[in-house]
Amino acid sequence: MEVMKARVCIDISFLVQFLAGNKKAIGIWKEIAELKLEPVIYVIVLFEIKRLSLKEKFEREKYEVLEKALLEIAELIDLDRNLALKMEMLTTFK
C-alpha cells in the first residue's frame, strides 16, 4: 500500500508575500521543503499571480522563477468546491 505525502495548499496571499520577501512566508516555504510536504496549487492561483506580474506588482523575473519551480514540485489542480472544502489552506498574511 502506497503512503500518501501530507499535502499543503498554496494560496495567492502566500505567494504574494513570498515574492515580496516576507520572512514568515519564506520560513513556511522552508518548512514545506524540510517536512517534504506535497504542495498543491489551484490553477486559478497561477493565473492570478501571473496577472499581478503583468500588472508589474512585482518583478516578472521573480514570477518566472516561481512558476518554473511550482510546475516542477507542485500538483496543479482545477478549483472544485468539494476539494476546496477539504484542503487545508495556509493562513492569510496580514
Protein backbone atom coordinates (compact mmCIF):
# COMPACT_ATOMS: atom_id res chain seq x y z
CA MET A 1 0.00 0.00 0.00
CA GLU A 2 1.39 3.40 -1.04
CA VAL A 3 1.73 6.01 1.70
CA MET A 4 0.47 9.43 0.65
CA LYS A 5 2.51 12.51 1.41
CA ALA A 6 0.93 15.21 3.51
CA ARG A 7 -0.35 17.97 1.25
CA VAL A 8 -0.45 21.70 1.74
CA CYS A 9 -2.40 24.08 -0.44
CA ILE A 10 -0.58 27.22 -1.56
CA ASP A 11 -2.83 30.26 -1.94
CA ILE A 12 -2.44 33.63 -3.63
CA SER A 13 -1.78 35.63 -0.46
CA PHE A 14 1.05 33.28 0.47
CA LEU A 15 2.67 33.61 -2.96
CA VAL A 16 2.37 37.41 -2.95
CA GLN A 17 4.05 37.55 0.46
CA PHE A 18 6.70 35.06 -0.63
CA LEU A 19 7.52 37.12 -3.73
CA ALA A 20 7.68 40.25 -1.57
CA GLY A 21 10.35 38.57 0.57
CA ASN A 22 8.20 38.19 3.68
CA LYS A 23 10.33 36.31 6.23
CA LYS A 24 7.36 34.38 7.60
CA ALA A 25 6.39 33.19 4.10
CA ILE A 26 9.97 32.20 3.32
CA GLY A 27 10.12 30.29 6.61
CA ILE A 28 6.91 28.44 5.80
CA TRP A 29 8.29 27.53 2.37
CA LYS A 30 11.42 26.12 4.04
CA GLU A 31 9.23 24.09 6.41
CA ILE A 32 7.27 22.70 3.47
CA ALA A 33 10.56 21.57 1.90
CA GLU A 34 12.02 20.20 5.15
CA LEU A 35 8.88 18.27 6.02
CA LYS A 36 8.65 17.05 2.41
CA LEU A 37 5.05 18.15 2.15
CA GLU A 38 3.40 17.97 -1.24
CA PRO A 39 2.46 21.49 -2.38
CA VAL A 40 -0.87 21.77 -4.15
CA ILE A 41 -1.85 24.87 -6.07
CA TYR A 42 -5.07 25.72 -7.82
CA VAL A 43 -4.64 26.66 -11.48
CA ILE A 44 -6.54 29.91 -10.79
CA VAL A 45 -3.79 30.91 -8.33
CA LEU A 46 -1.16 30.61 -11.07
CA PHE A 47 -3.36 32.75 -13.29
CA GLU A 48 -3.73 35.42 -10.59
CA ILE A 49 -0.03 35.56 -9.77
CA LYS A 50 0.81 35.86 -13.48
CA ARG A 51 -1.78 38.61 -13.85
CA LEU A 52 -0.14 40.51 -10.99
CA SER A 53 3.27 40.16 -12.62
CA LEU A 54 1.88 41.54 -15.89
CA LYS A 55 0.47 44.49 -13.93
CA GLU A 56 4.02 44.94 -12.57
CA LYS A 57 3.05 44.38 -8.94
CA PHE A 58 6.39 42.58 -8.64
CA GLU A 59 9.29 41.72 -10.92
CA ARG A 60 8.39 39.45 -13.82
CA GLU A 61 11.65 37.54 -13.37
CA LYS A 62 10.57 36.55 -9.86
CA TYR A 63 7.30 35.25 -11.25
CA GLU A 64 9.07 33.25 -13.94
CA VAL A 65 11.35 31.56 -11.42
CA LEU A 66 8.41 30.86 -9.11
CA GLU A 67 6.26 29.49 -11.93
CA LYS A 68 9.02 27.13 -13.06
CA ALA A 69 9.55 25.87 -9.51
CA LEU A 70 5.84 25.38 -8.88
CA LEU A 71 5.36 23.47 -12.13
CA GLU A 72 8.19 21.14 -11.10
CA ILE A 73 7.20 20.46 -7.49
CA ALA A 74 3.52 21.24 -7.02
CA GLU A 75 0.43 19.39 -8.06
CA LEU A 76 -1.76 21.71 -10.14
CA ILE A 77 -5.49 21.20 -9.71
CA ASP A 78 -8.63 22.83 -11.00
CA LEU A 79 -10.74 24.52 -8.38
CA ASP A 80 -13.51 22.20 -7.30
CA ARG A 81 -15.86 23.14 -4.47
CA ASN A 82 -15.72 19.75 -2.76
CA LEU A 83 -11.94 19.58 -2.96
CA ALA A 84 -11.54 23.19 -1.85
CA LEU A 85 -13.54 22.48 1.30
CA LYS A 86 -11.27 19.53 2.13
CA MET A 87 -7.90 21.24 1.58
CA GLU A 88 -6.00 22.90 4.39
CA MET A 89 -5.24 26.49 3.36
CA LEU A 90 -2.26 28.47 4.59
CA THR A 91 -3.17 31.33 6.89
CA THR A 92 -3.62 34.62 5.08
CA PHE A 93 -0.94 37.12 5.95
CA LYS A 94 -1.98 40.45 7.46
